[in-house]
């Protein structure tokens, strides 16, 4: 099983990034997917979740209206579109896949928002 995040970068406040999560080794279409983030010295925070079919998603209040989670079950990929980025969005962003029996984590990708 592998979850490989990519797309993290240094970006100025107000900028945008699109994170990707390449999922392999399990039946992706049967798993819900979430993006978490962890900043230095802070607890891991749930950012967004999308159900297995992709028909419903939920967001943390801190990112609602700015971030969009999506998935492509044909490509075994999940995405996080991040707009209007703020310095407080700086963190390692981790992809997480879960069903009723199993849960898998990626290693994360660094997002830094700074001028």
PDB file of N, CA and C in Angstrom:
ATOM      1  N   UNK A   1       0.851  -1.196   0.000  1.00  0.00           N
ATOM      2  CA  UNK A   1       0.000   0.000   0.000  1.00  0.00           C
ATOM      3  C   UNK A   1       0.881   1.238   0.000  1.00  0.00           C
ATOM      4  N   UNK A   2       0.532   2.181  -0.855  1.00  0.00           N
ATOM      5  CA  UNK A   2       1.269   3.453  -0.898  1.00  0.00           C
ATOM      6  C   UNK A   2       0.315   4.604  -1.124  1.00  0.00           C
ATOM      7  N   UNK A   3       0.513   5.672  -0.365  1.00  0.00           N
ATOM      8  CA  UNK A   3      -0.140   6.944  -0.607  1.00  0.00           C
ATOM      9  C   UNK A   3       0.985   7.961  -0.738  1.00  0.00           C
ATOM     10  N   UNK A   4       1.103   8.574  -1.899  1.00  0.00           N
ATOM     11  CA  UNK A   4       2.208   9.489  -2.164  1.00  0.00           C
ATOM     12  C   UNK A   4       1.645  10.865  -2.498  1.00  0.00           C
ATOM     13  N   UNK A   5       1.910  11.813  -1.595  1.00  0.00           N
ATOM     14  CA  UNK A   5       1.459  13.185  -1.805  1.00  0.00           C
ATOM     15  C   UNK A   5       2.482  13.956  -2.631  1.00  0.00           C
ATOM     16  N   UNK A   6       1.998  14.923  -3.367  1.00  0.00           N
ATOM     17  CA  UNK A   6       2.867  15.824  -4.120  1.00  0.00           C
ATOM     18  C   UNK A   6       2.155  17.157  -4.305  1.00  0.00           C
ATOM     19  N   UNK A   7       2.922  18.152  -4.734  1.00  0.00           N
ATOM     20  CA  UNK A   7       2.342  19.455  -5.027  1.00  0.00           C
ATOM     21  C   UNK A   7       2.635  20.526  -3.998  1.00  0.00           C
ATOM     22  N   UNK A   8       3.228  20.156  -2.878  1.00  0.00           N
ATOM     23  CA  UNK A   8       3.569  21.154  -1.880  1.00  0.00           C
ATOM     24  C   UNK A   8       4.668  22.077  -2.379  1.00  0.00           C
ATOM     25  N   UNK A   9       4.655  23.311  -1.888  1.00  0.00           N
ATOM     26  CA  UNK A   9       5.622  24.300  -2.378  1.00  0.00           C
ATOM     27  C   UNK A   9       5.611  25.507  -1.467  1.00  0.00           C
ATOM     28  N   UNK A  10       6.503  26.437  -1.745  1.00  0.00           N
ATOM     29  CA  UNK A  10       6.501  27.754  -1.116  1.00  0.00           C
ATOM     30  C   UNK A  10       5.649  28.672  -1.985  1.00  0.00           C
ATOM     31  N   UNK A  11       4.674  29.329  -1.368  1.00  0.00           N
ATOM     32  CA  UNK A  11       3.764  30.191  -2.116  1.00  0.00           C
ATOM     33  C   UNK A  11       3.495  31.457  -1.303  1.00  0.00           C
ATOM     34  N   UNK A  12       3.233  32.546  -1.988  1.00  0.00           N
ATOM     35  CA  UNK A  12       2.946  33.805  -1.304  1.00  0.00           C
ATOM     36  C   UNK A  12       1.510  33.815  -0.770  1.00  0.00           C
ATOM     37  N   UNK A  13       1.263  34.601   0.262  1.00  0.00           N
ATOM     38  CA  UNK A  13      -0.122  34.739   0.737  1.00  0.00           C
ATOM     39  C   UNK A  13      -1.047  35.166  -0.392  1.00  0.00           C
ATOM     40  N   UNK A  14      -2.228  34.549  -0.424  1.00  0.00           N
ATOM     41  CA  UNK A  14      -3.171  34.805  -1.498  1.00  0.00           C
ATOM     42  C   UNK A  14      -3.024  33.878  -2.682  1.00  0.00           C
ATOM     43  N   UNK A  15      -1.966  33.101  -2.705  1.00  0.00           N
ATOM     44  CA  UNK A  15      -1.709  32.202  -3.811  1.00  0.00           C
ATOM     45  C   UNK A  15      -2.492  30.912  -3.721  1.00  0.00           C
ATOM     46  N   UNK A  16      -2.249  30.040  -4.697  1.00  0.00           N
ATOM     47  CA  UNK A  16      -2.955  28.766  -4.794  1.00  0.00           C
ATOM     48  C   UNK A  16      -1.973  27.627  -4.999  1.00  0.00           C
ATOM     49  N   UNK A  17      -2.393  26.457  -4.535  1.00  0.00           N
ATOM     50  CA  UNK A  17      -1.670  25.214  -4.781  1.00  0.00           C
ATOM     51  C   UNK A  17      -2.679  24.096  -4.966  1.00  0.00           C
ATOM     52  N   UNK A  18      -2.273  23.080  -5.706  1.00  0.00           N
ATOM     53  CA  UNK A  18      -3.078  21.872  -5.832  1.00  0.00           C
ATOM     54  C   UNK A  18      -2.243  20.683  -5.387  1.00  0.00           C
ATOM     55  N   UNK A  19      -2.671  20.037  -4.319  1.00  0.00           N
ATOM     56  CA  UNK A  19      -2.001  18.842  -3.828  1.00  0.00           C
ATOM     57  C   UNK A  19      -2.631  17.612  -4.476  1.00  0.00           C
ATOM     58  N   UNK A  20      -1.795  16.608  -4.697  1.00  0.00           N
ATOM     59  CA  UNK A  20      -2.258  15.340  -5.247  1.00  0.00           C
ATOM     60  C   UNK A  20      -1.849  14.200  -4.323  1.00  0.00           C
ATOM     61  N   UNK A  21      -2.663  13.154  -4.307  1.00  0.00           N
ATOM     62  CA  UNK A  21      -2.366  11.946  -3.532  1.00  0.00           C
ATOM     63  C   UNK A  21      -2.537  10.745  -4.456  1.00  0.00           C
ATOM     64  N   UNK A  22      -1.439  10.118  -4.767  1.00  0.00           N
ATOM     65  CA  UNK A  22      -1.427   8.934  -5.657  1.00  0.00           C
ATOM     66  C   UNK A  22      -1.545   7.694  -4.771  1.00  0.00           C
ATOM     67  N   UNK A  23      -2.626   6.960  -4.916  1.00  0.00           N
ATOM     68  CA  UNK A  23      -2.931   5.830  -4.028  1.00  0.00           C
ATOM     69  C   UNK A  23      -2.789   4.505  -4.765  1.00  0.00           C
ATOM     70  N   UNK A  24      -2.027   3.580  -4.165  1.00  0.00           N
ATOM     71  CA  UNK A  24      -1.762   2.305  -4.827  1.00  0.00           C
ATOM     72  C   UNK A  24      -1.826   1.166  -3.818  1.00  0.00           C
ATOM     73  N   UNK A  25      -2.194  -0.004  -4.315  1.00  0.00           N
ATOM     74  CA  UNK A  25      -2.126  -1.203  -3.493  1.00  0.00           C
ATOM     75  C   UNK A  25      -3.388  -1.534  -2.715  1.00  0.00           C
ATOM     76  N   UNK A  26      -4.453  -0.785  -2.952  1.00  0.00           N
ATOM     77  CA  UNK A  26      -5.728  -1.087  -2.308  1.00  0.00           C
ATOM     78  C   UNK A  26      -6.852  -0.610  -3.215  1.00  0.00           C
ATOM     79  N   UNK A  27      -8.060  -1.011  -2.898  1.00  0.00           N
ATOM     80  CA  UNK A  27      -9.217  -0.660  -3.733  1.00  0.00           C
ATOM     81  C   UNK A  27      -9.674   0.748  -3.394  1.00  0.00           C
ATOM     82  N   UNK A  28      -9.071   1.691  -4.057  1.00  0.00           N
ATOM     83  CA  UNK A  28      -9.247   3.111  -3.743  1.00  0.00           C
ATOM     84  C   UNK A  28     -10.710   3.520  -3.712  1.00  0.00           C
ATOM     85  N   UNK A  29     -11.493   3.005  -4.624  1.00  0.00           N
ATOM     86  CA  UNK A  29     -12.891   3.439  -4.749  1.00  0.00           C
ATOM     87  C   UNK A  29     -13.756   3.029  -3.564  1.00  0.00           C
ATOM     88  N   UNK A  30     -13.234   2.204  -2.681  1.00  0.00           N
ATOM     89  CA  UNK A  30     -13.982   1.757  -1.509  1.00  0.00           C
ATOM     90  C   UNK A  30     -13.547   2.442  -0.225  1.00  0.00           C
ATOM     91  N   UNK A  31     -12.701   3.439  -0.369  1.00  0.00           N
ATOM     92  CA  UNK A  31     -12.170   4.144   0.791  1.00  0.00           C
ATOM     93  C   UNK A  31     -12.566   5.616   0.762  1.00  0.00           C
ATOM     94  N   UNK A  32     -12.943   6.130   1.926  1.00  0.00           N
ATOM     95  CA  UNK A  32     -13.016   7.571   2.077  1.00  0.00           C
ATOM     96  C   UNK A  32     -11.606   8.128   2.167  1.00  0.00           C
ATOM     97  N   UNK A  33     -11.449   9.373   1.744  1.00  0.00           N
ATOM     98  CA  UNK A  33     -10.131  10.007   1.748  1.00  0.00           C
ATOM     99  C   UNK A  33     -10.214  11.332   2.486  1.00  0.00           C
ATOM    100  N   UNK A  34      -9.210  11.590   3.283  1.00  0.00           N
ATOM    101  CA  UNK A  34      -9.112  12.859   3.999  1.00  0.00           C
ATOM    102  C   UNK A  34      -7.736  13.471   3.779  1.00  0.00           C
ATOM    103  N   UNK A  35      -7.703  14.771   3.907  1.00  0.00           N
ATOM    104  CA  UNK A  35      -6.439  15.503   3.999  1.00  0.00           C
ATOM    105  C   UNK A  35      -6.340  16.048   5.422  1.00  0.00           C
ATOM    106  N   UNK A  36      -5.189  15.814   6.021  1.00  0.00           N
ATOM    107  CA  UNK A  36      -4.858  16.375   7.322  1.00  0.00           C
ATOM    108  C   UNK A  36      -3.665  17.309   7.127  1.00  0.00           C
ATOM    109  N   UNK A  37      -3.428  18.123   8.141  1.00  0.00           N
ATOM    110  CA  UNK A  37      -2.212  18.930   8.146  1.00  0.00           C
ATOM    111  C   UNK A  37      -1.649  19.008   9.551  1.00  0.00           C
ATOM    112  N   UNK A  38      -0.328  19.170   9.601  1.00  0.00           N
ATOM    113  CA  UNK A  38       0.335  19.291  10.890  1.00  0.00           C
ATOM    114  C   UNK A  38       1.414  20.350  10.803  1.00  0.00           C
ATOM    115  N   UNK A  39       1.247  21.366  11.609  1.00  0.00           N
ATOM    116  CA  UNK A  39       2.228  22.447  11.700  1.00  0.00           C
ATOM    117  C   UNK A  39       3.141  22.168  12.887  1.00  0.00           C
ATOM    118  N   UNK A  40       4.361  22.716  12.859  1.00  0.00           N
ATOM    119  CA  UNK A  40       5.299  22.488  13.967  1.00  0.00           C
ATOM    120  C   UNK A  40       4.700  22.906  15.303  1.00  0.00           C
ATOM    121  N   UNK A  41       4.780  22.014  16.275  1.00  0.00           N
ATOM    122  CA  UNK A  41       4.294  22.325  17.610  1.00  0.00           C
ATOM    123  C   UNK A  41       2.792  22.271  17.770  1.00  0.00           C
ATOM    124  N   UNK A  42       2.081  21.852  16.720  1.00  0.00           N
ATOM    125  CA  UNK A  42       0.618  21.796  16.785  1.00  0.00           C
ATOM    126  C   UNK A  42       0.129  20.381  16.540  1.00  0.00           C
ATOM    127  N   UNK A  43      -1.098  20.109  16.977  1.00  0.00           N
ATOM    128  CA  UNK A  43      -1.686  18.802  16.735  1.00  0.00           C
ATOM    129  C   UNK A  43      -2.105  18.657  15.279  1.00  0.00           C
ATOM    130  N   UNK A  44      -2.163  17.420  14.858  1.00  0.00           N
ATOM    131  CA  UNK A  44      -2.629  17.142  13.507  1.00  0.00           C
ATOM    132  C   UNK A  44      -4.095  17.567  13.380  1.00  0.00           C
ATOM    133  N   UNK A  45      -4.411  18.223  12.277  1.00  0.00           N
ATOM    134  CA  UNK A  45      -5.738  18.800  12.082  1.00  0.00           C
ATOM    135  C   UNK A  45      -6.383  18.204  10.830  1.00  0.00           C
ATOM    136  N   UNK A  46      -7.633  17.784  10.957  1.00  0.00           N
ATOM    137  CA  UNK A  46      -8.391  17.315   9.798  1.00  0.00           C
ATOM    138  C   UNK A  46      -8.813  18.520   8.968  1.00  0.00           C
ATOM    139  N   UNK A  47      -8.461  18.486   7.696  1.00  0.00           N
ATOM    140  CA  UNK A  47      -8.736  19.617   6.807  1.00  0.00           C
ATOM    141  C   UNK A  47      -9.998  19.375   5.975  1.00  0.00           C
ATOM    142  N   UNK A  48     -10.076  18.206   5.340  1.00  0.00           N
ATOM    143  CA  UNK A  48     -11.208  17.917   4.462  1.00  0.00           C
ATOM    144  C   UNK A  48     -11.339  16.412   4.271  1.00  0.00           C
ATOM    145  N   UNK A  49     -12.576  15.978   4.019  1.00  0.00           N
ATOM    146  CA  UNK A  49     -12.861  14.560   3.794  1.00  0.00           C
ATOM    147  C   UNK A  49     -13.814  14.424   2.615  1.00  0.00           C
ATOM    148  N   UNK A  50     -13.611  13.376   1.829  1.00  0.00           N
ATOM    149  CA  UNK A  50     -14.526  13.071   0.732  1.00  0.00           C
ATOM    150  C   UNK A  50     -14.871  11.589   0.811  1.00  0.00           C
ATOM    151  N   UNK A  51     -16.157  11.275   0.623  1.00  0.00           N
ATOM    152  CA  UNK A  51     -16.566   9.878   0.730  1.00  0.00           C
ATOM    153  C   UNK A  51     -16.136   9.089  -0.515  1.00  0.00           C
ATOM    154  N   UNK A  52     -16.296   7.780  -0.452  1.00  0.00           N
ATOM    155  CA  UNK A  52     -15.743   6.909  -1.495  1.00  0.00           C
ATOM    156  C   UNK A  52     -16.283   7.231  -2.888  1.00  0.00           C
ATOM    157  N   UNK A  53     -17.553   7.569  -2.977  1.00  0.00           N
ATOM    158  CA  UNK A  53     -18.143   7.873  -4.290  1.00  0.00           C
ATOM    159  C   UNK A  53     -17.779   9.258  -4.792  1.00  0.00           C
ATOM    160  N   UNK A  54     -17.310  10.103  -3.897  1.00  0.00           N
ATOM    161  CA  UNK A  54     -17.001  11.481  -4.269  1.00  0.00           C
ATOM    162  C   UNK A  54     -18.186  12.423  -4.236  1.00  0.00           C
ATOM    163  N   UNK A  55     -19.340  11.922  -3.813  1.00  0.00           N
ATOM    164  CA  UNK A  55     -20.562  12.727  -3.892  1.00  0.00           C
ATOM    165  C   UNK A  55     -20.743  13.681  -2.709  1.00  0.00           C
ATOM    166  N   UNK A  56     -19.940  13.521  -1.680  1.00  0.00           N
ATOM    167  CA  UNK A  56     -20.080  14.393  -0.512  1.00  0.00           C
ATOM    168  C   UNK A  56     -18.720  14.668   0.099  1.00  0.00           C
ATOM    169  N   UNK A  57     -18.545  15.898   0.567  1.00  0.00           N
ATOM    170  CA  UNK A  57     -17.295  16.278   1.211  1.00  0.00           C
ATOM    171  C   UNK A  57     -17.581  17.221   2.373  1.00  0.00           C
ATOM    172  N   UNK A  58     -16.654  17.256   3.301  1.00  0.00           N
ATOM    173  CA  UNK A  58     -16.762  18.133   4.460  1.00  0.00           C
ATOM    174  C   UNK A  58     -15.421  18.828   4.674  1.00  0.00           C
ATOM    175  N   UNK A  59     -15.479  19.978   5.366  1.00  0.00           N
ATOM    176  CA  UNK A  59     -14.291  20.807   5.532  1.00  0.00           C
ATOM    177  C   UNK A  59     -14.197  21.354   6.947  1.00  0.00           C
ATOM    178  N   UNK A  60     -12.962  21.584   7.390  1.00  0.00           N
ATOM    179  CA  UNK A  60     -12.751  22.333   8.615  1.00  0.00           C
ATOM    180  C   UNK A  60     -13.198  23.774   8.386  1.00  0.00           C
ATOM    181  N   UNK A  61     -13.695  24.397   9.445  1.00  0.00           N
ATOM    182  CA  UNK A  61     -14.156  25.786   9.319  1.00  0.00           C
ATOM    183  C   UNK A  61     -13.037  26.702   8.834  1.00  0.00           C
ATOM    184  N   UNK A  62     -11.814  26.387   9.214  1.00  0.00           N
ATOM    185  CA  UNK A  62     -10.678  27.250   8.881  1.00  0.00           C
ATOM    186  C   UNK A  62     -10.365  27.289   7.386  1.00  0.00           C
ATOM    187  N   UNK A  63     -10.853  26.292   6.617  1.00  0.00           N
ATOM    188  CA  UNK A  63     -10.543  26.252   5.187  1.00  0.00           C
ATOM    189  C   UNK A  63     -11.788  26.320   4.310  1.00  0.00           C
ATOM    190  N   UNK A  64     -12.956  26.328   4.924  1.00  0.00           N
ATOM    191  CA  UNK A  64     -14.211  26.312   4.168  1.00  0.00           C
ATOM    192  C   UNK A  64     -14.280  27.520   3.247  1.00  0.00           C
ATOM    193  N   UNK A  65     -14.620  27.267   1.994  1.00  0.00           N
ATOM    194  CA  UNK A  65     -14.708  28.334   1.006  1.00  0.00           C
ATOM    195  C   UNK A  65     -13.399  28.631   0.299  1.00  0.00           C
ATOM    196  N   UNK A  66     -12.300  28.084   0.799  1.00  0.00           N
ATOM    197  CA  UNK A  66     -10.992  28.306   0.178  1.00  0.00           C
ATOM    198  C   UNK A  66     -10.400  27.025  -0.407  1.00  0.00           C
ATOM    199  N   UNK A  67     -10.655  25.888   0.235  1.00  0.00           N
ATOM    200  CA  UNK A  67     -10.094  24.603  -0.189  1.00  0.00           C
ATOM    201  C   UNK A  67     -11.205  23.734  -0.781  1.00  0.00           C
ATOM    202  N   UNK A  68     -10.829  22.897  -1.743  1.00  0.00           N
ATOM    203  CA  UNK A  68     -11.762  21.945  -2.343  1.00  0.00           C
ATOM    204  C   UNK A  68     -11.084  20.587  -2.459  1.00  0.00           C
ATOM    205  N   UNK A  69     -11.718  19.567  -1.882  1.00  0.00           N
ATOM    206  CA  UNK A  69     -11.217  18.204  -1.999  1.00  0.00           C
ATOM    207  C   UNK A  69     -11.952  17.509  -3.143  1.00  0.00           C
ATOM    208  N   UNK A  70     -11.242  16.688  -3.876  1.00  0.00           N
ATOM    209  CA  UNK A  70     -11.856  15.946  -4.976  1.00  0.00           C
ATOM    210  C   UNK A  70     -11.109  14.623  -5.152  1.00  0.00           C
ATOM    211  N   UNK A  71     -11.660  13.771  -6.002  1.00  0.00           N
ATOM    212  CA  UNK A  71     -11.025  12.481  -6.258  1.00  0.00           C
ATOM    213  C   UNK A  71     -11.366  12.003  -7.658  1.00  0.00           C
ATOM    214  N   UNK A  72     -10.514  11.149  -8.185  1.00  0.00           N
ATOM    215  CA  UNK A  72     -10.757  10.484  -9.465  1.00  0.00           C
ATOM    216  C   UNK A  72     -10.561   9.000  -9.231  1.00  0.00           C
ATOM    217  N   UNK A  73     -11.653   8.265  -9.089  1.00  0.00           N
ATOM    218  CA  UNK A  73     -11.552   6.839  -8.763  1.00  0.00           C
ATOM    219  C   UNK A  73     -10.968   6.024  -9.914  1.00  0.00           C
ATOM    220  N   UNK A  74     -11.086   6.509 -11.134  1.00  0.00           N
ATOM    221  CA  UNK A  74     -10.507   5.798 -12.272  1.00  0.00           C
ATOM    222  C   UNK A  74      -8.987   5.881 -12.258  1.00  0.00           C
ATOM    223  N   UNK A  75      -8.457   6.942 -11.654  1.00  0.00           N
ATOM    224  CA  UNK A  75      -7.004   7.136 -11.618  1.00  0.00           C
ATOM    225  C   UNK A  75      -6.413   6.863 -10.237  1.00  0.00           C
ATOM    226  N   UNK A  76      -7.261   6.505  -9.271  1.00  0.00           N
ATOM    227  CA  UNK A  76      -6.796   6.260  -7.895  1.00  0.00           C
ATOM    228  C   UNK A  76      -6.085   7.485  -7.320  1.00  0.00           C
ATOM    229  N   UNK A  77      -6.654   8.643  -7.576  1.00  0.00           N
ATOM    230  CA  UNK A  77      -6.046   9.901  -7.152  1.00  0.00           C
ATOM    231  C   UNK A  77      -7.019  10.728  -6.326  1.00  0.00           C
ATOM    232  N   UNK A  78      -6.469  11.430  -5.356  1.00  0.00           N
ATOM    233  CA  UNK A  78      -7.220  12.413  -4.593  1.00  0.00           C
ATOM    234  C   UNK A  78      -6.488  13.744  -4.686  1.00  0.00           C
ATOM    235  N   UNK A  79      -7.251  14.829  -4.526  1.00  0.00           N
ATOM    236  CA  UNK A  79      -6.671  16.160  -4.717  1.00  0.00           C
ATOM    237  C   UNK A  79      -7.162  17.106  -3.630  1.00  0.00           C
ATOM    238  N   UNK A  80      -6.367  18.143  -3.402  1.00  0.00           N
ATOM    239  CA  UNK A  80      -6.802  19.235  -2.535  1.00  0.00           C
ATOM    240  C   UNK A  80      -6.411  20.534  -3.230  1.00  0.00           C
ATOM    241  N   UNK A  81      -7.408  21.237  -3.734  1.00  0.00           N
ATOM    242  CA  UNK A  81      -7.183  22.555  -4.332  1.00  0.00           C
ATOM    243  C   UNK A  81      -7.248  23.592  -3.220  1.00  0.00           C
ATOM    244  N   UNK A  82      -6.184  24.365  -3.079  1.00  0.00           N
ATOM    245  CA  UNK A  82      -6.088  25.342  -2.003  1.00  0.00           C
ATOM    246  C   UNK A  82      -5.944  26.736  -2.614  1.00  0.00           C
ATOM    247  N   UNK A  83      -6.906  27.591  -2.351  1.00  0.00           N
ATOM    248  CA  UNK A  83      -6.893  28.966  -2.861  1.00  0.00           C
ATOM    249  C   UNK A  83      -6.824  29.947  -1.697  1.00  0.00           C
ATOM    250  N   UNK A  84      -6.488  31.177  -2.006  1.00  0.00           N
ATOM    251  CA  UNK A  84      -6.424  32.244  -0.994  1.00  0.00           C
ATOM    252  C   UNK A  84      -5.624  31.798   0.219  1.00  0.00           C
ATOM    253  N   UNK A  85      -4.467  31.263  -0.034  1.00  0.00           N
ATOM    254  CA  UNK A  85      -3.654  30.698   1.046  1.00  0.00           C
ATOM    255  C   UNK A  85      -3.185  31.775   2.011  1.00  0.00           C
ATOM    256  N   UNK A  86      -3.113  31.381   3.273  1.00  0.00           N
ATOM    257  CA  UNK A  86      -2.696  32.273   4.359  1.00  0.00           C
ATOM    258  C   UNK A  86      -1.458  31.702   5.042  1.00  0.00           C
ATOM    259  N   UNK A  87      -0.685  32.537   5.709  1.00  0.00           N
ATOM    260  CA  UNK A  87       0.493  32.005   6.422  1.00  0.00           C
ATOM    261  C   UNK A  87       0.124  30.891   7.413  1.00  0.00           C
ATOM    262  N   UNK A  88      -1.048  30.977   8.010  1.00  0.00           N
ATOM    263  CA  UNK A  88      -1.452  29.950   8.974  1.00  0.00           C
ATOM    264  C   UNK A  88      -1.802  28.614   8.312  1.00  0.00           C
ATOM    265  N   UNK A  89      -1.815  28.563   6.994  1.00  0.00           N
ATOM    266  CA  UNK A  89      -1.994  27.291   6.291  1.00  0.00           C
ATOM    267  C   UNK A  89      -0.678  26.518   6.165  1.00  0.00           C
ATOM    268  N   UNK A  90       0.412  27.129   6.577  1.00  0.00           N
ATOM    269  CA  UNK A  90       1.712  26.465   6.510  1.00  0.00           C
ATOM    270  C   UNK A  90       1.719  25.212   7.365  1.00  0.00           C
ATOM    271  N   UNK A  91       2.062  24.083   6.754  1.00  0.00           N
ATOM    272  CA  UNK A  91       2.042  22.795   7.446  1.00  0.00           C
ATOM    273  C   UNK A  91       2.502  21.704   6.494  1.00  0.00           C
ATOM    274  N   UNK A  92       2.724  20.529   7.053  1.00  0.00           N
ATOM    275  CA  UNK A  92       2.837  19.316   6.240  1.00  0.00           C
ATOM    276  C   UNK A  92       1.423  18.783   6.031  1.00  0.00           C
ATOM    277  N   UNK A  93       1.078  18.539   4.788  1.00  0.00           N
ATOM    278  CA  UNK A  93      -0.257  18.037   4.437  1.00  0.00           C
ATOM    279  C   UNK A  93      -0.163  16.546   4.127  1.00  0.00           C
ATOM    280  N   UNK A  94      -1.022  15.781   4.797  1.00  0.00           N
ATOM    281  CA  UNK A  94      -0.983  14.319   4.694  1.00  0.00           C
ATOM    282  C   UNK A  94      -2.303  13.784   4.153  1.00  0.00           C
ATOM    283  N   UNK A  95      -2.179  12.804   3.307  1.00  0.00           N
ATOM    284  CA  UNK A  95      -3.321  12.108   2.723  1.00  0.00           C
ATOM    285  C   UNK A  95      -3.634  10.872   3.568  1.00  0.00           C
ATOM    286  N   UNK A  96      -4.925  10.603   3.784  1.00  0.00           N
ATOM    287  CA  UNK A  96      -5.358   9.490   4.620  1.00  0.00           C
ATOM    288  C   UNK A  96      -6.532   8.803   3.950  1.00  0.00           C
ATOM    289  N   UNK A  97      -6.460   7.488   3.828  1.00  0.00           N
ATOM    290  CA  UNK A  97      -7.541   6.694   3.247  1.00  0.00           C
ATOM    291  C   UNK A  97      -8.045   5.719   4.292  1.00  0.00           C
ATOM    292  N   UNK A  98      -9.375   5.590   4.378  1.00  0.00           N
ATOM    293  CA  UNK A  98      -9.930   4.742   5.429  1.00  0.00           C
ATOM    294  C   UNK A  98     -11.235   4.100   4.983  1.00  0.00           C
ATOM    295  N   UNK A  99     -11.410   2.831   5.400  1.00  0.00           N
ATOM    296  CA  UNK A  99     -12.735   2.225   5.334  1.00  0.00           C
ATOM    297  C   UNK A  99     -13.022   1.604   6.697  1.00  0.00           C
ATOM    298  N   UNK A 100     -13.993   0.739   6.801  1.00  0.00           N
ATOM    299  CA  UNK A 100     -14.396   0.216   8.115  1.00  0.00           C
ATOM    300  C   UNK A 100     -13.344  -0.709   8.725  1.00  0.00           C
ATOM    301  N   UNK A 101     -12.411  -1.194   7.891  1.00  0.00           N
ATOM    302  CA  UNK A 101     -11.421  -2.150   8.397  1.00  0.00           C
ATOM    303  C   UNK A 101      -9.995  -1.608   8.406  1.00  0.00           C
ATOM    304  N   UNK A 102      -9.661  -0.785   7.463  1.00  0.00           N
ATOM    305  CA  UNK A 102      -8.273  -0.379   7.263  1.00  0.00           C
ATOM    306  C   UNK A 102      -8.133   1.136   7.177  1.00  0.00           C
ATOM    307  N   UNK A 103      -6.934   1.598   7.519  1.00  0.00           N
ATOM    308  CA  UNK A 103      -6.600   3.011   7.402  1.00  0.00           C
ATOM    309  C   UNK A 103      -5.144   3.140   6.982  1.00  0.00           C
ATOM    310  N   UNK A 104      -4.901   4.034   6.024  1.00  0.00           N
ATOM    311  CA  UNK A 104      -3.554   4.207   5.485  1.00  0.00           C
ATOM    312  C   UNK A 104      -3.195   5.685   5.451  1.00  0.00           C
ATOM    313  N   UNK A 105      -1.894   5.942   5.663  1.00  0.00           N
ATOM    314  CA  UNK A 105      -1.384   7.315   5.647  1.00  0.00           C
ATOM    315  C   UNK A 105      -0.289   7.471   4.610  1.00  0.00           C
ATOM    316  N   UNK A 106      -0.219   8.654   4.028  1.00  0.00           N
ATOM    317  CA  UNK A 106       0.944   9.045   3.261  1.00  0.00           C
ATOM    318  C   UNK A 106       1.961   9.705   4.170  1.00  0.00           C
ATOM    319  N   UNK A 107       3.089  10.110   3.581  1.00  0.00           N
ATOM    320  CA  UNK A 107       4.161  10.723   4.368  1.00  0.00           C
ATOM    321  C   UNK A 107       4.075  12.245   4.393  1.00  0.00           C
ATOM    322  N   UNK A 108       3.305  12.805   3.511  1.00  0.00           N
ATOM    323  CA  UNK A 108       3.074  14.234   3.566  1.00  0.00           C
ATOM    324  C   UNK A 108       3.862  15.033   2.548  1.00  0.00           C
ATOM    325  N   UNK A 109       3.378  16.248   2.314  1.00  0.00           N
ATOM    326  CA  UNK A 109       4.048  17.205   1.446  1.00  0.00           C
ATOM    327  C   UNK A 109       3.998  18.572   2.129  1.00  0.00           C
ATOM    328  N   UNK A 110       5.112  19.306   2.066  1.00  0.00           N
ATOM    329  CA  UNK A 110       5.237  20.566   2.799  1.00  0.00           C
ATOM    330  C   UNK A 110       4.615  21.708   2.007  1.00  0.00           C
ATOM    331  N   UNK A 111       3.758  22.451   2.678  1.00  0.00           N
ATOM    332  CA  UNK A 111       3.200  23.687   2.128  1.00  0.00           C
ATOM    333  C   UNK A 111       3.656  24.835   3.016  1.00  0.00           C
ATOM    334  N   UNK A 112       4.297  25.816   2.419  1.00  0.00           N
ATOM    335  CA  UNK A 112       4.760  26.988   3.147  1.00  0.00           C
ATOM    336  C   UNK A 112       4.185  28.232   2.488  1.00  0.00           C
ATOM    337  N   UNK A 113       3.473  29.017   3.285  1.00  0.00           N
ATOM    338  CA  UNK A 113       2.863  30.247   2.786  1.00  0.00           C
ATOM    339  C   UNK A 113       3.579  31.421   3.449  1.00  0.00           C
ATOM    340  N   UNK A 114       4.343  32.137   2.645  1.00  0.00           N
ATOM    341  CA  UNK A 114       5.158  33.216   3.198  1.00  0.00           C
ATOM    342  C   UNK A 114       5.520  34.181   2.087  1.00  0.00           C
ATOM    343  N   UNK A 115       5.658  35.460   2.482  1.00  0.00           N
ATOM    344  CA  UNK A 115       6.099  36.465   1.518  1.00  0.00           C
ATOM    345  C   UNK A 115       7.603  36.642   1.603  1.00  0.00           C
TER     346      UNK A 115
END
